[in-house]
Each structure stands twice: as C-alpha cells, then as structure tokens.
C-alpha cells in the first residue's frame, strides 16, 4: 500500500530512485526539460510504496493524478 512520504521516512533501497525527475548519474538518463504535464519535482503530497527494488509513486496535483512505477 502506498503511504505519504514524510522527509524522515526510511527506505530499504537508495532514495535516488525516489524522484519525479531523476538527476543525471551513471545509471540514470539526464532529466529533460520539464513539460507542462509533468508533476512538480517536490515530493510533498507524494504517496510511496517501496519493496526491495520496486517503487511506486503517486501524486494528485493541479487536477491530475500522476503515477510512476519503477523496478531496477
């Protein structure tokens, strides 16, 4: 179940994967320009489900529901 993401929450995987727009890195593609339909990069009001290397993030913002799932 996805639950709200407070800044103090601990995860069993690296928080680099917890992002609406990943920063450039060895394993990640660089972030392209933000589009009008993209969610704000801020994790405020983001719900997170994380199990080992599987992440799900949900956010309701500006009348839109955003969802991303990642398995690395």
Protein backbone atom coordinates (compact mmCIF):
# COMPACT_ATOMS: atom_id res chain seq x y z
CA UNK A 1 0.00 0.00 0.00
CA UNK A 2 1.30 3.46 -0.86
CA UNK A 3 1.58 5.81 2.12
CA UNK A 4 2.53 9.51 2.40
CA UNK A 5 6.22 10.35 2.09
CA UNK A 6 7.46 12.32 5.11
CA UNK A 7 11.06 13.66 4.87
CA UNK A 8 12.14 11.37 7.74
CA UNK A 9 10.86 8.13 6.21
CA UNK A 10 13.45 5.35 5.91
CA UNK A 11 13.58 3.06 2.86
CA UNK A 12 15.35 -0.25 2.31
CA UNK A 13 16.63 0.93 -1.09
CA UNK A 14 18.62 4.00 -2.20
CA UNK A 15 16.49 7.18 -2.26
CA UNK A 16 17.97 8.13 -5.66
CA UNK A 17 15.03 6.20 -7.11
CA UNK A 18 12.53 8.35 -5.20
CA UNK A 19 12.10 11.23 -7.60
CA UNK A 20 9.66 12.62 -10.13
CA UNK A 21 12.60 13.75 -12.23
CA UNK A 22 15.84 11.77 -11.68
CA UNK A 23 19.08 13.74 -11.70
CA UNK A 24 21.84 12.73 -14.14
CA UNK A 25 24.03 9.87 -12.98
CA UNK A 26 25.87 6.73 -14.07
CA UNK A 27 22.71 4.61 -14.10
CA UNK A 28 20.12 7.27 -14.92
CA UNK A 29 19.25 9.25 -18.01
CA UNK A 30 19.52 13.01 -17.57
CA UNK A 31 16.33 14.85 -16.78
CA UNK A 32 14.90 16.50 -19.89
CA UNK A 33 13.14 19.87 -19.71
CA UNK A 34 10.05 19.98 -17.53
CA UNK A 35 6.86 19.78 -19.56
CA UNK A 36 3.55 21.39 -18.72
CA UNK A 37 2.07 17.97 -17.97
CA UNK A 38 4.90 16.88 -15.62
CA UNK A 39 4.37 16.91 -11.85
CA UNK A 40 6.33 19.30 -9.67
CA UNK A 41 9.68 17.80 -8.58
CA UNK A 42 8.76 18.38 -4.92
CA UNK A 43 7.88 15.17 -3.06
CA UNK A 44 5.27 16.98 -0.95
CA UNK A 45 1.95 15.12 -1.18
CA UNK A 46 3.61 12.10 -2.83
CA UNK A 47 2.48 8.64 -1.78
CA UNK A 48 5.14 5.94 -1.97
CA UNK A 49 5.19 2.16 -1.99
CA UNK A 50 8.64 0.57 -1.92
CA UNK A 51 9.50 -3.13 -1.71
CA UNK A 52 13.18 -4.04 -2.29
CA UNK A 53 13.91 -2.67 -5.80
CA UNK A 54 10.29 -1.93 -6.77
CA UNK A 55 8.94 1.62 -6.34
CA UNK A 56 5.51 3.15 -6.95
CA UNK A 57 4.88 6.89 -6.54
CA UNK A 58 1.52 8.64 -6.75
CA UNK A 59 0.63 12.31 -6.53
CA UNK A 60 -2.54 14.35 -7.10
CA UNK A 61 -1.64 17.85 -8.25
CA UNK A 62 -3.38 20.53 -10.29
CA UNK A 63 -6.35 18.28 -11.02
CA UNK A 64 -4.18 15.44 -12.36
CA UNK A 65 -3.23 12.09 -10.84
CA UNK A 66 0.41 11.15 -11.53
CA UNK A 67 1.69 7.62 -11.18
CA UNK A 68 5.10 6.09 -11.81
CA UNK A 69 6.33 2.53 -11.23
CA UNK A 70 9.98 1.53 -11.35
CA UNK A 71 11.74 -1.80 -10.96
CA UNK A 72 15.52 -1.61 -11.18
